[in-house]
Amino acid sequence: MQASTARPGPRNAITDVPGLKIGQAEDEAARSGVTVILPDNRAVCAVDVRGGAPGTRETDALAPENLVDAVDAVVLSGGSVYGLAAADGVVAWLGARGRGYGLVDGIPRSPVVPAAILFDVANGGEKAWGESPPYRALGRSAIEAAGLDVRLGTAGAGYGAMAGSLKGGDGSASAVTSDGFWVGAHVAVNSWGSVIAPGGRTFWAAPYEIEGEFGGLGAAGLAGPPEVWGLAKRAVETRNTTIACVATDAVLNPAQAKRLAVMAQDGLARAIRPIHAPFDGDVVFALSTGARPLVEPDNFTLARLGALAADVLARAVARAVFAATPWPGTEVPCWRDLPGA
């Protein structure tokens, strides 16, 4: 049985999934930023961690056997360990508005905000912040800016990112199935591996491209001999990580959301080569806004959504690099500068 054909949504972004907003904020001097995925209501969430050097917050709470059954936001941040503080700003903003997990009447609610970070602190920006890193403020600015519009490329958590030897960034994509299920993905691409095939500028994600959304080059330029990776970072550049969130409006329980996250990770493998290295911290969150019940048989529908999430995430990776531009006043290799672009 073959799944129905899907198509991108009007924004071709994770905010095409009903019930989701996104906020992005940057510190131009520090060359870093934060992205917040904000559901309108608490959403079921799961996580899959594949990288060998992850940096995360609240991910243990997402295990299906644990107490937490939903989250209030998801944070993707630059800044390495300093970037985990971005979730503090988001938690404070949500708590002040009465959002979060309620334990006892009369005490503040506890917003549940899982987060993941990437390493961008060696990109030449101003990092002499002493005891006042900018990330708590960036998290607050990002959630305050949350809406439906998404900026691609050098923005949000991907502001300071490099994708192999090319400028990385924030990417987003979406799809809706013919029977009405939405799937979206948002990613901050700071990979050690290359997003394009050797010897040209064809994205590894080319087979999944829709309507020329990242250049329309087709897949004819794809070739991947063993240990020939193209524009990957040098072996000594071991400060990386690609972090992402996929989302659907299907009603999923925590275990089903975990399977969605696991399947979605294949999107990174389709778009980046190599991936999940010892010095990558690759993390994929999965959100369910719970607007549409799964169509029976449930497991088949879940498999369809997981396969689609992988495709959408691969497209989001390529769209991030396709849209990336240099930091102001700098010359940074970008996809658009490659020969033939």
C-alpha atoms as a PDB file:
ATOM      1  CA  MET A   1       0.000   0.000   0.000  1.00  0.00           C
ATOM      2  CA  GLN A   2       1.480   3.360  -0.988  1.00  0.00           C
ATOM      3  CA  ALA A   3       0.935   6.588   0.959  1.00  0.00           C
ATOM      4  CA  SER A   4      -0.768   9.518  -0.691  1.00  0.00           C
ATOM      5  CA  THR A   5       1.241  12.254  -2.363  1.00  0.00           C
ATOM      6  CA  ALA A   6       2.048  15.204  -0.107  1.00  0.00           C
ATOM      7  CA  ARG A   7       2.678  18.835  -1.011  1.00  0.00           C
ATOM      8  CA  PRO A   8       4.253  21.812   0.823  1.00  0.00           C
ATOM      9  CA  GLY A   9       2.105  24.196   2.808  1.00  0.00           C
ATOM     10  CA  PRO A  10       1.652  27.900   2.023  1.00  0.00           C
ATOM     11  CA  ARG A  11       4.663  28.965   4.105  1.00  0.00           C
ATOM     12  CA  ASN A  12       6.706  25.806   3.495  1.00  0.00           C
ATOM     13  CA  ALA A  13       7.661  26.027   7.159  1.00  0.00           C
ATOM     14  CA  ILE A  14       6.974  24.291  10.450  1.00  0.00           C
ATOM     15  CA  THR A  15       4.312  26.930  11.176  1.00  0.00           C
ATOM     16  CA  ASP A  16       2.115  25.354   8.504  1.00  0.00           C
ATOM     17  CA  VAL A  17       1.344  22.760  11.183  1.00  0.00           C
ATOM     18  CA  PRO A  18      -1.812  24.131  12.843  1.00  0.00           C
ATOM     19  CA  GLY A  19      -1.226  25.276  16.400  1.00  0.00           C
ATOM     20  CA  LEU A  20       2.468  26.198  16.116  1.00  0.00           C
ATOM     21  CA  LYS A  21       4.360  29.481  16.116  1.00  0.00           C
ATOM     22  CA  ILE A  22       8.074  30.188  15.920  1.00  0.00           C
ATOM     23  CA  GLY A  23      10.302  32.963  17.218  1.00  0.00           C
ATOM     24  CA  GLN A  24      13.899  33.785  16.277  1.00  0.00           C
ATOM     25  CA  ALA A  25      16.389  36.216  17.800  1.00  0.00           C
ATOM     26  CA  GLU A  26      20.051  36.981  17.134  1.00  0.00           C
ATOM     27  CA  ASP A  27      23.002  38.793  18.659  1.00  0.00           C
ATOM     28  CA  GLU A  28      24.905  40.142  15.654  1.00  0.00           C
ATOM     29  CA  ALA A  29      28.033  40.983  17.659  1.00  0.00           C
ATOM     30  CA  ALA A  30      28.201  37.571  19.299  1.00  0.00           C
ATOM     31  CA  ARG A  31      27.281  35.844  16.006  1.00  0.00           C
ATOM     32  CA  SER A  32      24.780  33.590  17.702  1.00  0.00           C
ATOM     33  CA  GLY A  33      21.062  33.204  18.143  1.00  0.00           C
ATOM     34  CA  VAL A  34      18.039  31.308  19.429  1.00  0.00           C
ATOM     35  CA  THR A  35      14.932  29.737  17.896  1.00  0.00           C
ATOM     36  CA  VAL A  36      11.811  28.897  19.912  1.00  0.00           C
ATOM     37  CA  ILE A  37       9.042  26.591  18.668  1.00  0.00           C
ATOM     38  CA  LEU A  38       5.894  27.584  20.558  1.00  0.00           C
ATOM     39  CA  PRO A  39       2.688  25.520  20.508  1.00  0.00           C
ATOM     40  CA  ASP A  40      -0.576  27.336  21.144  1.00  0.00           C
ATOM     41  CA  ASN A  41      -1.367  24.709  23.774  1.00  0.00           C
ATOM     42  CA  ARG A  42       0.782  22.168  25.615  1.00  0.00           C
ATOM     43  CA  ALA A  43       1.973  19.544  23.131  1.00  0.00           C
ATOM     44  CA  VAL A  44       3.178  15.950  23.368  1.00  0.00           C
ATOM     45  CA  CYS A  45       6.926  15.856  22.764  1.00  0.00           C
ATOM     46  CA  ALA A  46       9.677  13.278  22.353  1.00  0.00           C
ATOM     47  CA  VAL A  47      13.367  13.423  21.481  1.00  0.00           C
ATOM     48  CA  ASP A  48      15.932  11.301  19.682  1.00  0.00           C
ATOM     49  CA  VAL A  49      19.636  11.965  20.327  1.00  0.00           C
ATOM     50  CA  ARG A  50      22.144  10.530  17.852  1.00  0.00           C
ATOM     51  CA  GLY A  51      25.195  12.796  18.032  1.00  0.00           C
ATOM     52  CA  GLY A  52      28.187  11.838  20.135  1.00  0.00           C
ATOM     53  CA  ALA A  53      28.488  15.220  21.885  1.00  0.00           C
ATOM     54  CA  PRO A  54      24.976  16.473  22.674  1.00  0.00           C
ATOM     55  CA  GLY A  55      24.030  19.395  24.874  1.00  0.00           C
ATOM     56  CA  THR A  56      20.440  19.247  26.100  1.00  0.00           C
ATOM     57  CA  ARG A  57      17.985  20.287  28.794  1.00  0.00           C
ATOM     58  CA  GLU A  58      14.850  18.479  30.055  1.00  0.00           C
ATOM     59  CA  THR A  59      15.220  15.589  27.618  1.00  0.00           C
ATOM     60  CA  ASP A  60      15.025  12.915  30.340  1.00  0.00           C
ATOM     61  CA  ALA A  61      11.609  14.260  31.286  1.00  0.00           C
ATOM     62  CA  LEU A  62      10.317  13.343  27.812  1.00  0.00           C
ATOM     63  CA  ALA A  63      10.684   9.578  28.268  1.00  0.00           C
ATOM     64  CA  PRO A  64       7.217   8.005  27.936  1.00  0.00           C
ATOM     65  CA  GLU A  65       7.481   6.285  31.334  1.00  0.00           C
ATOM     66  CA  ASN A  66       8.006   9.605  33.142  1.00  0.00           C
ATOM     67  CA  LEU A  67       5.507  12.066  34.614  1.00  0.00           C
ATOM     68  CA  VAL A  68       5.650  14.849  32.027  1.00  0.00           C
ATOM     69  CA  ASP A  69       3.119  14.247  29.259  1.00  0.00           C
ATOM     70  CA  ALA A  70       3.482  17.502  27.295  1.00  0.00           C
ATOM     71  CA  VAL A  71       5.726  20.545  26.839  1.00  0.00           C
ATOM     72  CA  ASP A  72       5.164  24.278  26.594  1.00  0.00           C
ATOM     73  CA  ALA A  73       7.914  25.151  24.084  1.00  0.00           C
ATOM     74  CA  VAL A  74      11.068  23.764  22.470  1.00  0.00           C
ATOM     75  CA  VAL A  75      14.287  25.785  22.305  1.00  0.00           C
ATOM     76  CA  LEU A  76      17.105  25.461  19.770  1.00  0.00           C
ATOM     77  CA  SER A  77      20.122  27.619  20.584  1.00  0.00           C
ATOM     78  CA  GLY A  78      23.638  28.500  19.612  1.00  0.00           C
ATOM     79  CA  GLY A  79      26.233  29.175  22.273  1.00  0.00           C
ATOM     80  CA  SER A  80      27.259  25.674  23.351  1.00  0.00           C
ATOM     81  CA  VAL A  81      26.631  25.208  27.111  1.00  0.00           C
ATOM     82  CA  TYR A  82      25.921  28.921  27.524  1.00  0.00           C
ATOM     83  CA  GLY A  83      23.023  28.564  25.116  1.00  0.00           C
ATOM     84  CA  LEU A  84      21.105  26.319  27.498  1.00  0.00           C
ATOM     85  CA  ALA A  85      20.271  29.497  29.415  1.00  0.00           C
ATOM     86  CA  ALA A  86      17.990  30.516  26.526  1.00  0.00           C
ATOM     87  CA  ALA A  87      15.393  28.154  27.982  1.00  0.00           C
ATOM     88  CA  ASP A  88      15.503  30.138  31.256  1.00  0.00           C
ATOM     89  CA  GLY A  89      14.193  33.206  29.453  1.00  0.00           C
ATOM     90  CA  VAL A  90      11.473  31.159  27.775  1.00  0.00           C
ATOM     91  CA  VAL A  91      10.447  29.509  31.047  1.00  0.00           C
ATOM     92  CA  ALA A  92      10.208  32.877  32.809  1.00  0.00           C
ATOM     93  CA  TRP A  93       8.103  34.343  29.990  1.00  0.00           C
ATOM     94  CA  LEU A  94       5.713  31.379  29.976  1.00  0.00           C
ATOM     95  CA  GLY A  95       5.469  31.160  33.763  1.00  0.00           C
ATOM     96  CA  ALA A  96       4.604  34.842  34.047  1.00  0.00           C
ATOM     97  CA  ARG A  97       1.645  34.146  31.777  1.00  0.00           C
ATOM     98  CA  GLY A  98       0.384  31.176  33.767  1.00  0.00           C
ATOM     99  CA  ARG A  99       1.525  28.546  31.321  1.00  0.00           C
ATOM    100  CA  GLY A 100       3.104  25.281  32.365  1.00  0.00           C
ATOM    101  CA  TYR A 101       2.599  22.058  34.278  1.00  0.00           C
ATOM    102  CA  GLY A 102       0.406  22.574  37.327  1.00  0.00           C
ATOM    103  CA  LEU A 103       1.136  20.568  40.463  1.00  0.00           C
ATOM    104  CA  VAL A 104      -0.630  22.406  43.300  1.00  0.00           C
ATOM    105  CA  ASP A 105      -3.138  25.254  43.183  1.00  0.00           C
ATOM    106  CA  GLY A 106      -1.786  28.567  44.370  1.00  0.00           C
ATOM    107  CA  ILE A 107       1.850  28.077  43.362  1.00  0.00           C
ATOM    108  CA  PRO A 108       3.509  29.055  40.076  1.00  0.00           C
ATOM    109  CA  ARG A 109       3.120  26.635  37.215  1.00  0.00           C
ATOM    110  CA  SER A 110       6.240  24.904  35.916  1.00  0.00           C
ATOM    111  CA  PRO A 111       6.762  25.447  32.170  1.00  0.00           C
ATOM    112  CA  VAL A 112       8.372  22.406  30.563  1.00  0.00           C
ATOM    113  CA  VAL A 113      10.846  23.613  27.941  1.00  0.00           C
ATOM    114  CA  PRO A 114      13.291  21.067  26.508  1.00  0.00           C
ATOM    115  CA  ALA A 115      16.264  22.531  24.682  1.00  0.00           C
ATOM    116  CA  ALA A 116      19.270  21.584  22.581  1.00  0.00           C
ATOM    117  CA  ILE A 117      22.390  23.565  21.697  1.00  0.00           C
ATOM    118  CA  LEU A 118      24.962  23.760  18.922  1.00  0.00           C
ATOM    119  CA  PHE A 119      28.589  24.909  19.076  1.00  0.00           C
ATOM    120  CA  ASP A 120      29.121  28.258  17.378  1.00  0.00           C
ATOM    121  CA  VAL A 121      31.409  29.962  19.900  1.00  0.00           C
ATOM    122  CA  ALA A 122      34.510  29.651  17.689  1.00  0.00           C
ATOM    123  CA  ASN A 123      33.083  31.652  14.771  1.00  0.00           C
ATOM    124  CA  GLY A 124      34.928  34.900  15.485  1.00  0.00           C
ATOM    125  CA  GLY A 125      32.088  36.820  17.132  1.00  0.00           C
ATOM    126  CA  GLU A 126      32.352  38.757  20.375  1.00  0.00           C
ATOM    127  CA  LYS A 127      32.308  36.200  23.192  1.00  0.00           C
ATOM    128  CA  ALA A 128      33.792  38.238  26.051  1.00  0.00           C
ATOM    129  CA  TRP A 129      30.503  38.236  27.935  1.00  0.00           C
ATOM    130  CA  GLY A 130      31.935  37.375  31.356  1.00  0.00           C
ATOM    131  CA  GLU A 131      29.122  36.398  33.701  1.00  0.00           C
ATOM    132  CA  SER A 132      26.402  37.787  31.431  1.00  0.00           C
ATOM    133  CA  PRO A 133      26.035  35.605  28.322  1.00  0.00           C
ATOM    134  CA  PRO A 134      23.250  36.884  26.037  1.00  0.00           C
ATOM    135  CA  TYR A 135      21.222  33.704  25.791  1.00  0.00           C
ATOM    136  CA  ARG A 136      18.594  34.215  28.496  1.00  0.00           C
ATOM    137  CA  ALA A 137      17.702  37.541  26.897  1.00  0.00           C
ATOM    138  CA  LEU A 138      17.783  35.990  23.424  1.00  0.00           C
ATOM    139  CA  GLY A 139      15.375  33.274  24.539  1.00  0.00           C
ATOM    140  CA  ARG A 140      12.969  35.886  25.865  1.00  0.00           C
ATOM    141  CA  SER A 141      13.278  37.975  22.698  1.00  0.00           C
ATOM    142  CA  ALA A 142      12.656  34.920  20.528  1.00  0.00           C
ATOM    143  CA  ILE A 143       9.479  33.857  22.311  1.00  0.00           C
ATOM    144  CA  GLU A 144       8.184  37.439  22.346  1.00  0.00           C
ATOM    145  CA  ALA A 145       8.642  37.497  18.566  1.00  0.00           C
ATOM    146  CA  ALA A 146       6.832  34.194  18.002  1.00  0.00           C
ATOM    147  CA  GLY A 147       4.507  34.172  15.011  1.00  0.00           C
ATOM    148  CA  LEU A 148       3.836  32.366  11.769  1.00  0.00           C
ATOM    149  CA  ASP A 149       6.602  33.870   9.626  1.00  0.00           C
ATOM    150  CA  VAL A 150       9.954  32.079   9.522  1.00  0.00           C
ATOM    151  CA  ARG A 151      13.309  33.535   8.458  1.00  0.00           C
ATOM    152  CA  LEU A 152      15.631  31.118   6.664  1.00  0.00           C
ATOM    153  CA  GLY A 153      19.403  31.045   6.493  1.00  0.00           C
ATOM    154  CA  THR A 154      21.467  33.283   8.788  1.00  0.00           C
ATOM    155  CA  ALA A 155      18.830  33.617  11.492  1.00  0.00           C
ATOM    156  CA  GLY A 156      17.802  32.262  14.867  1.00  0.00           C
ATOM    157  CA  ALA A 157      19.734  29.350  16.320  1.00  0.00           C
ATOM    158  CA  GLY A 158      21.505  28.967  12.984  1.00  0.00           C
ATOM    159  CA  TYR A 159      22.805  32.542  12.899  1.00  0.00           C
ATOM    160  CA  GLY A 160      26.337  31.536  13.862  1.00  0.00           C
ATOM    161  CA  ALA A 161      26.291  28.120  12.233  1.00  0.00           C
ATOM    162  CA  MET A 162      28.497  26.582   9.546  1.00  0.00           C
ATOM    163  CA  ALA A 163      27.339  23.607   7.468  1.00  0.00           C
ATOM    164  CA  GLY A 164      30.588  21.844   6.692  1.00  0.00           C
ATOM    165  CA  SER A 165      32.693  24.507   4.955  1.00  0.00           C
ATOM    166  CA  LEU A 166      29.639  26.560   3.916  1.00  0.00           C
ATOM    167  CA  LYS A 167      27.542  29.000   5.916  1.00  0.00           C
ATOM    168  CA  GLY A 168      24.801  27.135   7.742  1.00  0.00           C
ATOM    169  CA  GLY A 169      21.632  28.468   9.287  1.00  0.00           C
ATOM    170  CA  ASP A 170      17.980  27.961  10.127  1.00  0.00           C
ATOM    171  CA  GLY A 171      15.843  25.976   7.701  1.00  0.00           C
ATOM    172  CA  SER A 172      12.172  25.039   7.611  1.00  0.00           C
ATOM    173  CA  ALA A 173       9.830  23.012   5.410  1.00  0.00           C
ATOM    174  CA  SER A 174       6.390  21.429   5.493  1.00  0.00           C
ATOM    175  CA  ALA A 175       4.065  18.995   3.782  1.00  0.00           C
ATOM    176  CA  VAL A 176       0.396  18.088   3.968  1.00  0.00           C
ATOM    177  CA  THR A 177      -0.898  14.696   2.916  1.00  0.00           C
ATOM    178  CA  SER A 178      -3.886  14.270   0.640  1.00  0.00           C
ATOM    179  CA  ASP A 179      -5.884  13.069   3.653  1.00  0.00           C
ATOM    180  CA  GLY A 180      -5.045  16.202   5.616  1.00  0.00           C
ATOM    181  CA  PHE A 181      -2.195  15.437   8.019  1.00  0.00           C
ATOM    182  CA  TRP A 182       0.408  18.180   8.409  1.00  0.00           C
ATOM    183  CA  VAL A 183       4.109  17.575   8.980  1.00  0.00           C
ATOM    184  CA  GLY A 184       6.700  20.313   9.426  1.00  0.00           C
ATOM    185  CA  ALA A 185      10.363  20.589  10.346  1.00  0.00           C
ATOM    186  CA  HIS A 186      12.695  23.305  11.550  1.00  0.00           C
ATOM    187  CA  VAL A 187      16.450  22.853  11.832  1.00  0.00           C
ATOM    188  CA  ALA A 188      19.602  24.743  12.786  1.00  0.00           C
ATOM    189  CA  VAL A 189      22.371  23.341  10.579  1.00  0.00           C
ATOM    190  CA  ASN A 190      25.865  23.474  12.076  1.00  0.00           C
ATOM    191  CA  SER A 191      27.110  20.182  10.705  1.00  0.00           C
ATOM    192  CA  TRP A 192      30.608  18.759  10.485  1.00  0.00           C
ATOM    193  CA  GLY A 193      29.549  16.899   7.350  1.00  0.00           C
ATOM    194  CA  SER A 194      28.812  18.393   3.940  1.00  0.00           C
ATOM    195  CA  VAL A 195      25.330  19.205   2.666  1.00  0.00           C
ATOM    196  CA  ILE A 196      26.408  19.022  -1.002  1.00  0.00           C
ATOM    197  CA  ALA A 197      27.903  16.251  -3.101  1.00  0.00           C
ATOM    198  CA  PRO A 198      31.618  16.396  -4.009  1.00  0.00           C
ATOM    199  CA  GLY A 199      32.664  18.325  -7.083  1.00  0.00           C
ATOM    200  CA  GLY A 200      29.610  20.527  -7.510  1.00  0.00           C
ATOM    201  CA  ARG A 201      26.794  22.239  -5.665  1.00  0.00           C
ATOM    202  CA  THR A 202      24.064  19.584  -5.708  1.00  0.00           C
ATOM    203  CA  PHE A 203      22.449  19.120  -2.313  1.00  0.00           C
ATOM    204  CA  TRP A 204      22.416  15.609  -0.900  1.00  0.00           C
ATOM    205  CA  ALA A 205      18.721  16.293  -0.269  1.00  0.00           C
ATOM    206  CA  ALA A 206      18.078  16.843  -3.995  1.00  0.00           C
ATOM    207  CA  PRO A 207      15.832  13.751  -4.476  1.00  0.00           C
ATOM    208  CA  TYR A 208      13.364  15.206  -1.963  1.00  0.00           C
ATOM    209  CA  GLU A 209      13.205  18.756  -3.332  1.00  0.00           C
ATOM    210  CA  ILE A 210       9.766  20.127  -4.265  1.00  0.00           C
ATOM    211  CA  GLU A 211       9.138  22.958  -6.710  1.00  0.00           C
ATOM    212  CA  GLY A 212      12.741  24.157  -6.874  1.00  0.00           C
ATOM    213  CA  GLU A 213      12.743  25.191  -3.211  1.00  0.00           C
ATOM    214  CA  PHE A 214      16.548  25.030  -2.949  1.00  0.00           C
ATOM    215  CA  GLY A 215      17.785  25.712  -6.445  1.00  0.00           C
ATOM    216  CA  GLY A 216      16.089  23.077  -8.577  1.00  0.00           C
ATOM    217  CA  LEU A 217      19.333  21.426  -9.714  1.00  0.00           C
ATOM    218  CA  GLY A 218      17.941  17.905  -9.653  1.00  0.00           C
ATOM    219  CA  ALA A 219      19.806  14.820  -8.516  1.00  0.00           C
ATOM    220  CA  ALA A 220      22.042  14.253 -11.543  1.00  0.00           C
ATOM    221  CA  GLY A 221      25.084  15.614  -9.699  1.00  0.00           C
ATOM    222  CA  LEU A 222      24.880  13.181  -6.804  1.00  0.00           C
ATOM    223  CA  ALA A 223      27.846  10.872  -6.307  1.00  0.00           C
ATOM    224  CA  GLY A 224      29.308   9.700  -3.020  1.00  0.00           C
ATOM    225  CA  PRO A 225      32.447   7.574  -3.243  1.00  0.00           C
ATOM    226  CA  PRO A 226      33.545   6.114   0.102  1.00  0.00           C
ATOM    227  CA  GLU A 227      35.231   8.703   2.327  1.00  0.00           C
ATOM    228  CA  VAL A 228      34.809  11.469  -0.256  1.00  0.00           C
ATOM    229  CA  TRP A 229      32.565  13.949   1.503  1.00  0.00           C
ATOM    230  CA  GLY A 230      33.027  17.186  -0.394  1.00  0.00           C
ATOM    231  CA  LEU A 231      32.811  20.398   1.621  1.00  0.00           C
ATOM    232  CA  ALA A 232      32.891  18.883   5.096  1.00  0.00           C
ATOM    233  CA  LYS A 233      34.860  20.571   7.839  1.00  0.00           C
ATOM    234  CA  ARG A 234      38.458  19.629   8.436  1.00  0.00           C
ATOM    235  CA  ALA A 235      39.212  16.826  10.887  1.00  0.00           C
ATOM    236  CA  VAL A 236      40.442  19.326  13.486  1.00  0.00           C
ATOM    237  CA  GLU A 237      37.144  21.241  13.421  1.00  0.00           C
ATOM    238  CA  THR A 238      35.300  19.182  15.982  1.00  0.00           C
ATOM    239  CA  ARG A 239      32.756  21.807  17.117  1.00  0.00           C
ATOM    240  CA  ASN A 240      29.486  21.106  15.368  1.00  0.00           C
ATOM    241  CA  THR A 241      25.897  19.842  15.826  1.00  0.00           C
ATOM    242  CA  THR A 242      22.614  19.919  13.912  1.00  0.00           C
ATOM    243  CA  ILE A 243      19.502  20.360  16.042  1.00  0.00           C
ATOM    244  CA  ALA A 244      15.925  20.136  14.821  1.00  0.00           C
ATOM    245  CA  CYS A 245      12.248  19.856  15.662  1.00  0.00           C
ATOM    246  CA  VAL A 246       9.652  18.048  13.571  1.00  0.00           C
ATOM    247  CA  ALA A 247       5.946  18.456  14.214  1.00  0.00           C
ATOM    248  CA  THR A 248       2.583  17.058  13.193  1.00  0.00           C
ATOM    249  CA  ASP A 249      -1.044  17.819  13.955  1.00  0.00           C
ATOM    250  CA  ALA A 250      -1.771  14.104  14.355  1.00  0.00           C
ATOM    251  CA  VAL A 251      -2.776  12.901  17.805  1.00  0.00           C
ATOM    252  CA  LEU A 252       0.262  11.012  19.140  1.00  0.00           C
ATOM    253  CA  ASN A 253       1.050   9.607  22.552  1.00  0.00           C
ATOM    254  CA  PRO A 254       4.620   9.972  23.906  1.00  0.00           C
ATOM    255  CA  ALA A 255       5.731   6.586  22.558  1.00  0.00           C
ATOM    256  CA  GLN A 256       4.381   7.374  19.090  1.00  0.00           C
ATOM    257  CA  ALA A 257       6.051  10.790  19.169  1.00  0.00           C
ATOM    258  CA  LYS A 258       9.318   9.038  20.001  1.00  0.00           C
ATOM    259  CA  ARG A 259       8.945   6.851  16.921  1.00  0.00           C
ATOM    260  CA  LEU A 260       8.303   9.974  14.841  1.00  0.00           C
ATOM    261  CA  ALA A 261      11.545  11.503  16.154  1.00  0.00           C
ATOM    262  CA  VAL A 262      13.502   8.306  15.458  1.00  0.00           C
ATOM    263  CA  MET A 263      12.251   8.105  11.881  1.00  0.00           C
ATOM    264  CA  ALA A 264      12.790  11.821  11.307  1.00  0.00           C
ATOM    265  CA  GLN A 265      16.491  11.483  12.156  1.00  0.00           C
ATOM    266  CA  ASP A 266      16.907   9.752   8.795  1.00  0.00           C
ATOM    267  CA  GLY A 267      16.279  13.149   7.228  1.00  0.00           C
ATOM    268  CA  LEU A 268      19.617  14.337   8.597  1.00  0.00           C
ATOM    269  CA  ALA A 269      21.316  11.275   7.102  1.00  0.00           C
ATOM    270  CA  ARG A 270      19.731  12.042   3.730  1.00  0.00           C
ATOM    271  CA  ALA A 271      20.890  15.665   3.771  1.00  0.00           C
ATOM    272  CA  ILE A 272      24.307  15.652   5.511  1.00  0.00           C
ATOM    273  CA  ARG A 273      27.319  13.406   4.941  1.00  0.00           C
ATOM    274  CA  PRO A 274      28.681  12.255   7.339  1.00  0.00           C
ATOM    275  CA  ILE A 275      26.304  12.752  10.250  1.00  0.00           C
ATOM    276  CA  HIS A 276      26.066  11.652  13.911  1.00  0.00           C
ATOM    277  CA  ALA A 277      29.851  11.754  14.368  1.00  0.00           C
ATOM    278  CA  PRO A 278      31.546  11.568  17.789  1.00  0.00           C
ATOM    279  CA  PHE A 279      31.861  15.358  17.784  1.00  0.00           C
ATOM    280  CA  ASP A 280      28.329  16.123  16.546  1.00  0.00           C
ATOM    281  CA  GLY A 281      25.537  16.674  19.067  1.00  0.00           C
ATOM    282  CA  ASP A 282      22.653  15.914  16.708  1.00  0.00           C
ATOM    283  CA  VAL A 283      19.224  16.049  18.352  1.00  0.00           C
ATOM    284  CA  VAL A 284      15.698  15.842  16.876  1.00  0.00           C
ATOM    285  CA  PHE A 285      12.581  16.723  18.867  1.00  0.00           C
ATOM    286  CA  ALA A 286       9.101  15.649  17.739  1.00  0.00           C
ATOM    287  CA  LEU A 287       5.937  17.581  18.630  1.00  0.00           C
ATOM    288  CA  SER A 288       2.285  16.576  18.333  1.00  0.00           C
ATOM    289  CA  THR A 289      -0.304  19.346  18.504  1.00  0.00           C
ATOM    290  CA  GLY A 290      -3.041  16.716  18.644  1.00  0.00           C
ATOM    291  CA  ALA A 291      -5.601  18.189  16.272  1.00  0.00           C
ATOM    292  CA  ARG A 292      -6.344  15.128  14.100  1.00  0.00           C
ATOM    293  CA  PRO A 293      -6.749  11.516  15.292  1.00  0.00           C
ATOM    294  CA  LEU A 294      -4.614   8.930  13.528  1.00  0.00           C
ATOM    295  CA  VAL A 295      -6.375   7.051  10.747  1.00  0.00           C
ATOM    296  CA  GLU A 296      -6.601   3.311  11.302  1.00  0.00           C
ATOM    297  CA  PRO A 297      -4.488   1.285  11.088  1.00  0.00           C
ATOM    298  CA  ASP A 298      -2.650   3.604  13.457  1.00  0.00           C
ATOM    299  CA  ASN A 299       0.790   2.088  12.979  1.00  0.00           C
ATOM    300  CA  PHE A 300       0.624   2.462   9.209  1.00  0.00           C
ATOM    301  CA  THR A 301      -0.395   6.110   9.503  1.00  0.00           C
ATOM    302  CA  LEU A 302       2.403   6.697  11.992  1.00  0.00           C
ATOM    303  CA  ALA A 303       4.869   5.077   9.584  1.00  0.00           C
ATOM    304  CA  ARG A 304       3.653   7.380   6.796  1.00  0.00           C
ATOM    305  CA  LEU A 305       4.125  10.427   9.004  1.00  0.00           C
ATOM    306  CA  GLY A 306       7.582   9.306  10.114  1.00  0.00           C
ATOM    307  CA  ALA A 307       8.742   8.756   6.546  1.00  0.00           C
ATOM    308  CA  LEU A 308       7.343  12.139   5.553  1.00  0.00           C
ATOM    309  CA  ALA A 309       9.021  13.814   8.546  1.00  0.00           C
ATOM    310  CA  ALA A 310      12.389  12.491   7.353  1.00  0.00           C
ATOM    311  CA  ASP A 311      11.799  13.895   3.868  1.00  0.00           C
ATOM    312  CA  VAL A 312      10.648  17.259   5.225  1.00  0.00           C
ATOM    313  CA  LEU A 313      13.639  17.512   7.555  1.00  0.00           C
ATOM    314  CA  ALA A 314      16.046  16.764   4.687  1.00  0.00           C
ATOM    315  CA  ARG A 315      14.437  19.573   2.689  1.00  0.00           C
ATOM    316  CA  ALA A 316      14.695  21.950   5.649  1.00  0.00           C
ATOM    317  CA  VAL A 317      18.443  21.274   5.917  1.00  0.00           C
ATOM    318  CA  ALA A 318      19.015  22.167   2.269  1.00  0.00           C
ATOM    319  CA  ARG A 319      16.784  25.248   2.508  1.00  0.00           C
ATOM    320  CA  ALA A 320      18.850  26.520   5.456  1.00  0.00           C
ATOM    321  CA  VAL A 321      22.099  26.435   3.496  1.00  0.00           C
ATOM    322  CA  PHE A 322      20.498  27.604   0.252  1.00  0.00           C
ATOM    323  CA  ALA A 323      19.269  30.775   1.987  1.00  0.00           C
ATOM    324  CA  ALA A 324      22.362  31.457   4.118  1.00  0.00           C
ATOM    325  CA  THR A 325      24.252  34.739   3.746  1.00  0.00           C
ATOM    326  CA  PRO A 326      27.502  35.995   5.338  1.00  0.00           C
ATOM    327  CA  TRP A 327      27.511  37.798   8.655  1.00  0.00           C
ATOM    328  CA  PRO A 328      27.497  41.580   8.098  1.00  0.00           C
ATOM    329  CA  GLY A 329      30.898  42.872   7.088  1.00  0.00           C
ATOM    330  CA  THR A 330      32.417  39.413   6.580  1.00  0.00           C
ATOM    331  CA  GLU A 331      33.276  37.070   3.743  1.00  0.00           C
ATOM    332  CA  VAL A 332      32.021  33.603   4.574  1.00  0.00           C
ATOM    333  CA  PRO A 333      31.697  30.839   1.942  1.00  0.00           C
ATOM    334  CA  CYS A 334      28.020  30.428   1.064  1.00  0.00           C
ATOM    335  CA  TRP A 335      26.218  28.065  -1.296  1.00  0.00           C
ATOM    336  CA  ARG A 336      25.186  30.995  -3.475  1.00  0.00           C
ATOM    337  CA  ASP A 337      28.882  31.815  -4.055  1.00  0.00           C
ATOM    338  CA  LEU A 338      29.793  28.408  -5.468  1.00  0.00           C
ATOM    339  CA  PRO A 339      30.706  28.247  -9.197  1.00  0.00           C
ATOM    340  CA  GLY A 340      27.589  28.178 -11.337  1.00  0.00           C
ATOM    341  CA  ALA A 341      25.343  29.688  -8.700  1.00  0.00           C
END
